[in-house]
Structures are given as C-alpha cells and as structure tokens.
Amino acid sequence: MSEPTRVLILCTGNSARSQMAEGLLRHDGGARFEVFSAGTQPSRVRAEAIAAMREIGIDISAQRSKSVDEFVGQPFDYVITVCDHAREHCPVFPAATPRLHWSFDDPAAIAGDEAVRLAVFRRVRDELRARLRDFIAARAD
C-alpha cells in the first residue's frame, strides 16, 4: 500500500472549521489520508463543533487546537485553508506543496442563542463534507 496523503487544514482559530474538516477527512478518507489541522491564532475547539460532528457519528472531542508553527518544516501533500485570514497569513510551505483555498463562513462568529449557532455549525459542517468528498473522489486510486 502506498503512503497516505498528508493534508494540513488551516483556519484562524483552529476551533471550528479546520477541526470539523480534520474529523471529516479522517473519517471519510480513512487510511488513505494522514490529516492535521492548525490555526494562525489557535484558541480552543468549540463545543458547537464537537456537538455538530457528534450528530453525524464523528467524535472530535479529543482533538486540540494547534498552532501552524507546530507544522512548519514538515512535508505535506496538500495545505488547505478554509478561511480567508488563514490564506493571507499562512506560513510558507515548500513551493511544490499544492495549496487549496476554500472560503467558508466562520460559525464561531455567529451571534444568537444556542439553536441559531448550532444551525450554522451544521451548515458549515455539511458544506465542508461536500467539498472534502469531492477532494477525496478526485484522489481515488
């Protein structure tokens, strides 16, 4: 079997979008992918992200928010940014590393009660999953 495709997913806080994307790609892509996520300004994994993922049977509660600095110098097959801020402030990875940019709304920035916030987390989760399934399908062996 060939080596897994190494993917680093970046957003600003590594608290919602990139955390959900990490869990989704790890779950849906299986052993074909080695997945990491990080932030340019890491904070904490949002409870709403954990809840939205749990609803679809994916547990990300053990994931932690990490700084992109932990990954500088490591080889990746793809670096994916899921917010505009991360794309603009992403450190330089080797020039040969393909960088993909997918802009998603920041569910952590939504005001409102718990039901309103969770609905936005669900929508972004589903949008991430659709994009990641296309990414996986395009790299089918």
N, C-alpha and C. Protein backbone atom coordinates (compact mmCIF):
# COMPACT_ATOMS: atom_id res chain seq x y z
N MET A 1 0.83 -1.18 0.00
CA MET A 1 0.00 0.00 0.00
C MET A 1 0.88 1.25 0.00
N SER A 2 0.48 2.26 -0.73
CA SER A 2 1.26 3.48 -0.80
C SER A 2 1.10 4.30 0.49
N GLU A 3 2.01 5.24 0.64
CA GLU A 3 1.96 6.12 1.81
C GLU A 3 0.68 6.95 1.78
N PRO A 4 0.11 7.25 2.95
CA PRO A 4 -1.09 8.10 2.96
C PRO A 4 -0.77 9.52 2.50
N THR A 5 -1.75 10.16 1.93
CA THR A 5 -1.64 11.55 1.52
C THR A 5 -1.69 12.42 2.77
N ARG A 6 -0.66 13.24 2.97
CA ARG A 6 -0.59 14.11 4.16
C ARG A 6 -1.25 15.45 3.85
N VAL A 7 -2.24 15.80 4.69
CA VAL A 7 -3.02 17.02 4.47
C VAL A 7 -3.01 17.86 5.75
N LEU A 8 -2.72 19.15 5.59
CA LEU A 8 -2.81 20.11 6.69
C LEU A 8 -3.93 21.09 6.37
N ILE A 9 -4.89 21.21 7.28
CA ILE A 9 -6.04 22.10 7.10
C ILE A 9 -5.91 23.26 8.07
N LEU A 10 -5.97 24.48 7.54
CA LEU A 10 -5.73 25.68 8.34
C LEU A 10 -6.92 26.61 8.38
N CYS A 11 -7.15 27.21 9.54
CA CYS A 11 -8.05 28.36 9.67
C CYS A 11 -7.46 29.25 10.77
N THR A 12 -8.16 30.27 11.13
CA THR A 12 -7.60 31.22 12.08
C THR A 12 -7.45 30.62 13.48
N GLY A 13 -8.55 30.22 14.10
CA GLY A 13 -8.51 29.79 15.49
C GLY A 13 -8.32 28.31 15.71
N ASN A 14 -8.39 27.50 14.65
CA ASN A 14 -8.35 26.04 14.77
C ASN A 14 -9.35 25.60 15.85
N SER A 15 -10.54 26.22 15.77
CA SER A 15 -11.56 25.95 16.78
C SER A 15 -12.84 25.37 16.20
N ALA A 16 -13.07 25.55 14.90
CA ALA A 16 -14.34 25.12 14.31
C ALA A 16 -14.14 24.51 12.93
N ARG A 17 -13.97 25.36 11.90
CA ARG A 17 -13.91 24.87 10.52
C ARG A 17 -12.81 23.84 10.30
N SER A 18 -11.59 24.17 10.66
CA SER A 18 -10.49 23.24 10.41
C SER A 18 -10.59 22.00 11.28
N GLN A 19 -11.13 22.14 12.49
CA GLN A 19 -11.33 20.97 13.36
C GLN A 19 -12.37 20.03 12.76
N MET A 20 -13.49 20.59 12.28
CA MET A 20 -14.51 19.74 11.67
C MET A 20 -13.97 19.10 10.40
N ALA A 21 -13.22 19.87 9.59
CA ALA A 21 -12.65 19.33 8.36
C ALA A 21 -11.67 18.20 8.66
N GLU A 22 -10.86 18.35 9.70
CA GLU A 22 -9.93 17.29 10.08
C GLU A 22 -10.70 16.01 10.41
N GLY A 23 -11.72 16.13 11.24
CA GLY A 23 -12.52 14.96 11.60
C GLY A 23 -13.21 14.33 10.41
N LEU A 24 -13.75 15.16 9.53
CA LEU A 24 -14.45 14.65 8.34
C LEU A 24 -13.50 13.93 7.40
N LEU A 25 -12.35 14.53 7.11
CA LEU A 25 -11.42 13.89 6.17
C LEU A 25 -10.85 12.61 6.77
N ARG A 26 -10.56 12.62 8.05
CA ARG A 26 -10.06 11.41 8.70
C ARG A 26 -11.11 10.30 8.62
N HIS A 27 -12.37 10.65 8.87
CA HIS A 27 -13.46 9.67 8.85
C HIS A 27 -13.78 9.21 7.43
N ASP A 28 -14.02 10.15 6.53
CA ASP A 28 -14.47 9.81 5.18
C ASP A 28 -13.33 9.32 4.29
N GLY A 29 -12.11 9.79 4.53
CA GLY A 29 -10.98 9.40 3.69
C GLY A 29 -10.26 8.17 4.19
N GLY A 30 -10.45 7.83 5.45
CA GLY A 30 -9.84 6.63 6.02
C GLY A 30 -8.33 6.67 6.00
N ALA A 31 -7.74 5.50 5.85
CA ALA A 31 -6.30 5.34 5.94
C ALA A 31 -5.55 5.95 4.75
N ARG A 32 -6.28 6.37 3.73
CA ARG A 32 -5.63 6.99 2.56
C ARG A 32 -5.06 8.36 2.88
N PHE A 33 -5.52 8.96 4.00
CA PHE A 33 -5.10 10.31 4.35
C PHE A 33 -4.56 10.37 5.77
N GLU A 34 -3.49 11.14 5.95
CA GLU A 34 -2.98 11.49 7.27
C GLU A 34 -3.32 12.97 7.43
N VAL A 35 -4.20 13.28 8.38
CA VAL A 35 -4.81 14.61 8.44
C VAL A 35 -4.41 15.35 9.71
N PHE A 36 -4.11 16.63 9.54
CA PHE A 36 -3.78 17.51 10.65
C PHE A 36 -4.52 18.83 10.44
N SER A 37 -4.78 19.54 11.53
CA SER A 37 -5.34 20.88 11.41
C SER A 37 -4.60 21.80 12.36
N ALA A 38 -4.62 23.08 12.03
CA ALA A 38 -3.93 24.07 12.86
C ALA A 38 -4.53 25.44 12.58
N GLY A 39 -4.12 26.40 13.41
CA GLY A 39 -4.61 27.76 13.26
C GLY A 39 -3.48 28.77 13.30
N THR A 40 -3.73 29.91 12.68
CA THR A 40 -2.76 31.00 12.74
C THR A 40 -2.82 31.70 14.09
N GLN A 41 -3.97 31.60 14.76
CA GLN A 41 -4.15 32.14 16.12
C GLN A 41 -4.98 31.13 16.91
N PRO A 42 -4.38 29.98 17.27
CA PRO A 42 -5.17 28.89 17.88
C PRO A 42 -5.82 29.30 19.20
N SER A 43 -6.99 28.72 19.43
CA SER A 43 -7.71 29.03 20.67
C SER A 43 -8.13 27.73 21.35
N ARG A 44 -9.37 27.29 21.10
CA ARG A 44 -9.87 26.05 21.70
C ARG A 44 -10.89 25.47 20.73
N VAL A 45 -11.11 24.18 20.83
CA VAL A 45 -12.13 23.54 19.99
C VAL A 45 -13.50 23.93 20.53
N ARG A 46 -14.34 24.47 19.68
CA ARG A 46 -15.66 24.94 20.10
C ARG A 46 -16.59 23.78 20.42
N ALA A 47 -17.35 23.92 21.49
CA ALA A 47 -18.32 22.90 21.90
C ALA A 47 -19.34 22.65 20.80
N GLU A 48 -19.71 23.70 20.06
CA GLU A 48 -20.68 23.54 18.98
C GLU A 48 -20.13 22.68 17.85
N ALA A 49 -18.82 22.80 17.58
CA ALA A 49 -18.19 21.96 16.55
C ALA A 49 -18.22 20.50 16.98
N ILE A 50 -17.90 20.26 18.24
CA ILE A 50 -17.94 18.89 18.76
C ILE A 50 -19.35 18.33 18.67
N ALA A 51 -20.34 19.13 19.05
CA ALA A 51 -21.74 18.68 19.01
C ALA A 51 -22.21 18.41 17.59
N ALA A 52 -21.89 19.31 16.66
CA ALA A 52 -22.32 19.13 15.27
C ALA A 52 -21.71 17.87 14.66
N MET A 53 -20.47 17.59 15.00
CA MET A 53 -19.82 16.39 14.48
C MET A 53 -20.37 15.13 15.14
N ARG A 54 -20.64 15.21 16.42
CA ARG A 54 -21.20 14.06 17.14
C ARG A 54 -22.53 13.64 16.51
N GLU A 55 -23.31 14.61 16.03
CA GLU A 55 -24.60 14.32 15.41
C GLU A 55 -24.49 13.40 14.20
N ILE A 56 -23.33 13.43 13.53
CA ILE A 56 -23.14 12.57 12.35
C ILE A 56 -22.20 11.40 12.66
N GLY A 57 -22.00 11.14 13.95
CA GLY A 57 -21.24 9.97 14.36
C GLY A 57 -19.73 10.12 14.33
N ILE A 58 -19.23 11.35 14.34
CA ILE A 58 -17.79 11.59 14.33
C ILE A 58 -17.42 12.32 15.62
N ASP A 59 -16.51 11.72 16.39
CA ASP A 59 -16.11 12.28 17.68
C ASP A 59 -14.80 13.05 17.52
N ILE A 60 -14.86 14.37 17.67
CA ILE A 60 -13.64 15.18 17.61
C ILE A 60 -13.29 15.75 18.98
N SER A 61 -13.90 15.22 20.03
CA SER A 61 -13.71 15.78 21.37
C SER A 61 -12.27 15.66 21.88
N ALA A 62 -11.49 14.73 21.35
CA ALA A 62 -10.11 14.58 21.78
C ALA A 62 -9.14 15.45 20.98
N GLN A 63 -9.62 16.07 19.91
CA GLN A 63 -8.76 16.95 19.12
C GLN A 63 -8.46 18.21 19.92
N ARG A 64 -7.30 18.79 19.67
CA ARG A 64 -6.92 20.02 20.36
C ARG A 64 -6.55 21.09 19.34
N SER A 65 -6.69 22.32 19.76
CA SER A 65 -6.32 23.45 18.91
C SER A 65 -4.80 23.57 18.88
N LYS A 66 -4.25 23.69 17.67
CA LYS A 66 -2.80 23.71 17.50
C LYS A 66 -2.38 24.91 16.66
N SER A 67 -1.16 25.37 16.87
CA SER A 67 -0.60 26.46 16.08
C SER A 67 0.02 25.90 14.80
N VAL A 68 -0.12 26.64 13.72
CA VAL A 68 0.51 26.24 12.46
C VAL A 68 2.03 26.14 12.64
N ASP A 69 2.58 26.86 13.60
CA ASP A 69 4.02 26.81 13.84
C ASP A 69 4.50 25.40 14.16
N GLU A 70 3.62 24.55 14.72
CA GLU A 70 3.99 23.17 15.03
C GLU A 70 4.29 22.36 13.78
N PHE A 71 3.82 22.83 12.62
CA PHE A 71 3.91 22.05 11.40
C PHE A 71 4.87 22.62 10.36
N VAL A 72 5.41 23.80 10.61
CA VAL A 72 6.35 24.41 9.67
C VAL A 72 7.56 23.49 9.53
N GLY A 73 7.96 23.24 8.31
CA GLY A 73 9.10 22.37 8.04
C GLY A 73 8.72 20.92 7.81
N GLN A 74 7.47 20.56 8.10
CA GLN A 74 7.01 19.19 7.84
C GLN A 74 6.50 19.08 6.40
N PRO A 75 6.69 17.92 5.80
CA PRO A 75 6.20 17.75 4.42
C PRO A 75 4.70 17.45 4.39
N PHE A 76 4.00 18.10 3.48
CA PHE A 76 2.58 17.83 3.26
C PHE A 76 2.33 17.71 1.77
N ASP A 77 1.37 16.86 1.44
CA ASP A 77 0.97 16.73 0.04
C ASP A 77 0.01 17.84 -0.36
N TYR A 78 -0.77 18.34 0.61
CA TYR A 78 -1.70 19.44 0.39
C TYR A 78 -1.79 20.28 1.65
N VAL A 79 -1.91 21.59 1.47
CA VAL A 79 -2.26 22.51 2.54
C VAL A 79 -3.57 23.16 2.09
N ILE A 80 -4.60 23.01 2.92
CA ILE A 80 -5.92 23.56 2.60
C ILE A 80 -6.26 24.64 3.61
N THR A 81 -6.55 25.84 3.13
CA THR A 81 -7.03 26.90 4.01
C THR A 81 -8.54 26.99 3.86
N VAL A 82 -9.24 27.11 4.99
CA VAL A 82 -10.70 27.14 4.96
C VAL A 82 -11.26 28.49 5.42
N CYS A 83 -10.37 29.49 5.49
CA CYS A 83 -10.83 30.86 5.74
C CYS A 83 -9.85 31.83 5.10
N ASP A 84 -10.33 33.01 4.78
CA ASP A 84 -9.51 33.99 4.08
C ASP A 84 -8.33 34.46 4.92
N HIS A 85 -8.53 34.63 6.22
CA HIS A 85 -7.45 35.09 7.10
C HIS A 85 -6.29 34.10 7.10
N ALA A 86 -6.60 32.82 7.17
CA ALA A 86 -5.53 31.81 7.19
C ALA A 86 -4.76 31.81 5.87
N ARG A 87 -5.48 31.99 4.76
CA ARG A 87 -4.81 32.03 3.46
C ARG A 87 -3.81 33.18 3.42
N GLU A 88 -4.23 34.33 3.93
CA GLU A 88 -3.37 35.52 3.88
C GLU A 88 -2.20 35.44 4.85
N HIS A 89 -2.36 34.71 5.95
CA HIS A 89 -1.33 34.66 6.99
C HIS A 89 -0.66 33.30 7.12
N CYS A 90 -0.87 32.45 6.15
CA CYS A 90 -0.29 31.11 6.18
C CYS A 90 1.21 31.19 5.97
N PRO A 91 1.98 30.49 6.81
CA PRO A 91 3.42 30.48 6.58
C PRO A 91 3.73 29.80 5.25
N VAL A 92 4.91 30.03 4.78
CA VAL A 92 5.32 29.46 3.51
C VAL A 92 5.69 28.00 3.72
N PHE A 93 5.04 27.15 2.96
CA PHE A 93 5.40 25.74 2.91
C PHE A 93 6.17 25.55 1.62
N PRO A 94 6.87 24.43 1.45
CA PRO A 94 7.64 24.25 0.22
C PRO A 94 6.80 24.59 -1.02
N ALA A 95 7.43 25.26 -1.96
CA ALA A 95 6.72 25.75 -3.15
C ALA A 95 6.00 24.64 -3.91
N ALA A 96 6.51 23.43 -3.82
CA ALA A 96 5.89 22.32 -4.54
C ALA A 96 4.61 21.81 -3.86
N THR A 97 4.35 22.27 -2.63
CA THR A 97 3.16 21.81 -1.91
C THR A 97 1.92 22.49 -2.47
N PRO A 98 0.99 21.72 -3.04
CA PRO A 98 -0.25 22.34 -3.53
C PRO A 98 -1.03 22.96 -2.39
N ARG A 99 -1.48 24.20 -2.61
CA ARG A 99 -2.30 24.90 -1.62
C ARG A 99 -3.68 25.12 -2.22
N LEU A 100 -4.69 24.69 -1.49
CA LEU A 100 -6.07 24.87 -1.91
C LEU A 100 -6.72 25.84 -0.94
N HIS A 101 -7.55 26.73 -1.47
CA HIS A 101 -8.26 27.66 -0.60
C HIS A 101 -9.76 27.49 -0.79
N TRP A 102 -10.44 27.20 0.31
CA TRP A 102 -11.90 27.08 0.32
C TRP A 102 -12.40 28.04 1.39
N SER A 103 -13.15 29.04 0.99
CA SER A 103 -13.66 30.02 1.93
C SER A 103 -15.01 29.58 2.49
N PHE A 104 -15.08 29.42 3.80
CA PHE A 104 -16.32 29.05 4.49
C PHE A 104 -16.63 30.10 5.53
N ASP A 105 -17.92 30.32 5.78
CA ASP A 105 -18.32 31.23 6.85
C ASP A 105 -17.75 30.73 8.18
N ASP A 106 -17.46 31.66 9.07
CA ASP A 106 -16.96 31.30 10.40
C ASP A 106 -18.14 31.10 11.34
N PRO A 107 -18.48 29.85 11.66
CA PRO A 107 -19.63 29.63 12.53
C PRO A 107 -19.40 30.16 13.94
N ALA A 108 -18.15 30.27 14.36
CA ALA A 108 -17.85 30.77 15.70
C ALA A 108 -18.15 32.27 15.82
N ALA A 109 -18.28 32.96 14.70
CA ALA A 109 -18.53 34.40 14.73
C ALA A 109 -20.02 34.74 14.76
N ILE A 110 -20.87 33.74 14.69
CA ILE A 110 -22.32 33.96 14.65
C ILE A 110 -22.85 34.24 16.05
N ALA A 111 -23.62 35.31 16.17
CA ALA A 111 -24.27 35.63 17.44
C ALA A 111 -25.65 34.97 17.45
N GLY A 112 -26.21 34.85 18.62
CA GLY A 112 -27.54 34.27 18.74
C GLY A 112 -27.56 33.20 19.81
N ASP A 113 -28.74 32.62 19.99
CA ASP A 113 -28.84 31.58 21.00
C ASP A 113 -28.21 30.28 20.50
N GLU A 114 -28.20 29.30 21.37
CA GLU A 114 -27.53 28.03 21.05
C GLU A 114 -28.09 27.39 19.79
N ALA A 115 -29.40 27.41 19.62
CA ALA A 115 -30.02 26.79 18.44
C ALA A 115 -29.58 27.47 17.15
N VAL A 116 -29.50 28.78 17.17
CA VAL A 116 -29.06 29.53 15.98
C VAL A 116 -27.61 29.20 15.66
N ARG A 117 -26.76 29.23 16.67
CA ARG A 117 -25.33 28.94 16.45
C ARG A 117 -25.13 27.51 15.96
N LEU A 118 -25.81 26.56 16.58
CA LEU A 118 -25.65 25.16 16.18
C LEU A 118 -26.12 24.95 14.75
N ALA A 119 -27.16 25.64 14.33
CA ALA A 119 -27.63 25.52 12.94
C ALA A 119 -26.55 25.96 11.96
N VAL A 120 -25.82 27.01 12.29
CA VAL A 120 -24.75 27.48 11.41
C VAL A 120 -23.59 26.48 11.41
N PHE A 121 -23.25 25.94 12.56
CA PHE A 121 -22.20 24.91 12.62
C PHE A 121 -22.59 23.71 11.75
N ARG A 122 -23.85 23.31 11.80
CA ARG A 122 -24.32 22.18 10.98
C ARG A 122 -24.18 22.50 9.49
N ARG A 123 -24.57 23.71 9.11
CA ARG A 123 -24.49 24.09 7.69
C ARG A 123 -23.05 24.08 7.21
N VAL A 124 -22.14 24.68 7.98
CA VAL A 124 -20.74 24.71 7.60
C VAL A 124 -20.16 23.29 7.59
N ARG A 125 -20.54 22.47 8.56
CA ARG A 125 -20.10 21.07 8.58
C ARG A 125 -20.49 20.37 7.28
N ASP A 126 -21.73 20.55 6.86
CA ASP A 126 -22.22 19.89 5.65
C ASP A 126 -21.54 20.43 4.40
N GLU A 127 -21.26 21.73 4.37
CA GLU A 127 -20.54 22.32 3.23
C GLU A 127 -19.11 21.78 3.17
N LEU A 128 -18.46 21.68 4.33
CA LEU A 128 -17.11 21.11 4.39
C LEU A 128 -17.12 19.67 3.90
N ARG A 129 -18.09 18.89 4.35
CA ARG A 129 -18.15 17.48 3.96
C ARG A 129 -18.31 17.34 2.45
N ALA A 130 -19.16 18.15 1.85
CA ALA A 130 -19.35 18.09 0.39
C ALA A 130 -18.05 18.40 -0.34
N ARG A 131 -17.35 19.43 0.08
CA ARG A 131 -16.09 19.80 -0.57
C ARG A 131 -15.04 18.73 -0.36
N LEU A 132 -14.97 18.18 0.86
CA LEU A 132 -13.98 17.14 1.14
C LEU A 132 -14.28 15.85 0.39
N ARG A 133 -15.54 15.52 0.21
CA ARG A 133 -15.87 14.32 -0.57
C ARG A 133 -15.42 14.48 -2.02
N ASP A 134 -15.55 15.68 -2.57
CA ASP A 134 -15.03 15.94 -3.91
C ASP A 134 -13.51 15.80 -3.93
N PHE A 135 -12.85 16.33 -2.90
CA PHE A 135 -11.39 16.23 -2.77
C PHE A 135 -10.96 14.77 -2.72
N ILE A 136 -11.65 13.96 -1.92
CA ILE A 136 -11.34 12.54 -1.80
C ILE A 136 -11.56 11.83 -3.14
N ALA A 137 -12.69 12.08 -3.77
CA ALA A 137 -13.02 11.42 -5.04
C ALA A 137 -12.00 11.76 -6.13
N ALA A 138 -11.49 12.98 -6.13
CA ALA A 138 -10.52 13.39 -7.13
C ALA A 138 -9.17 12.72 -6.93
N ARG A 139 -8.95 12.13 -5.77
CA ARG A 139 -7.69 11.46 -5.47
C ARG A 139 -7.87 9.96 -5.30
N ALA A 140 -8.92 9.43 -5.89
CA ALA A 140 -9.18 7.98 -5.80
C ALA A 140 -8.08 7.23 -6.54
N ASP A 141 -7.67 6.14 -5.94
CA ASP A 141 -6.61 5.31 -6.56
C ASP A 141 -7.13 4.60 -7.78
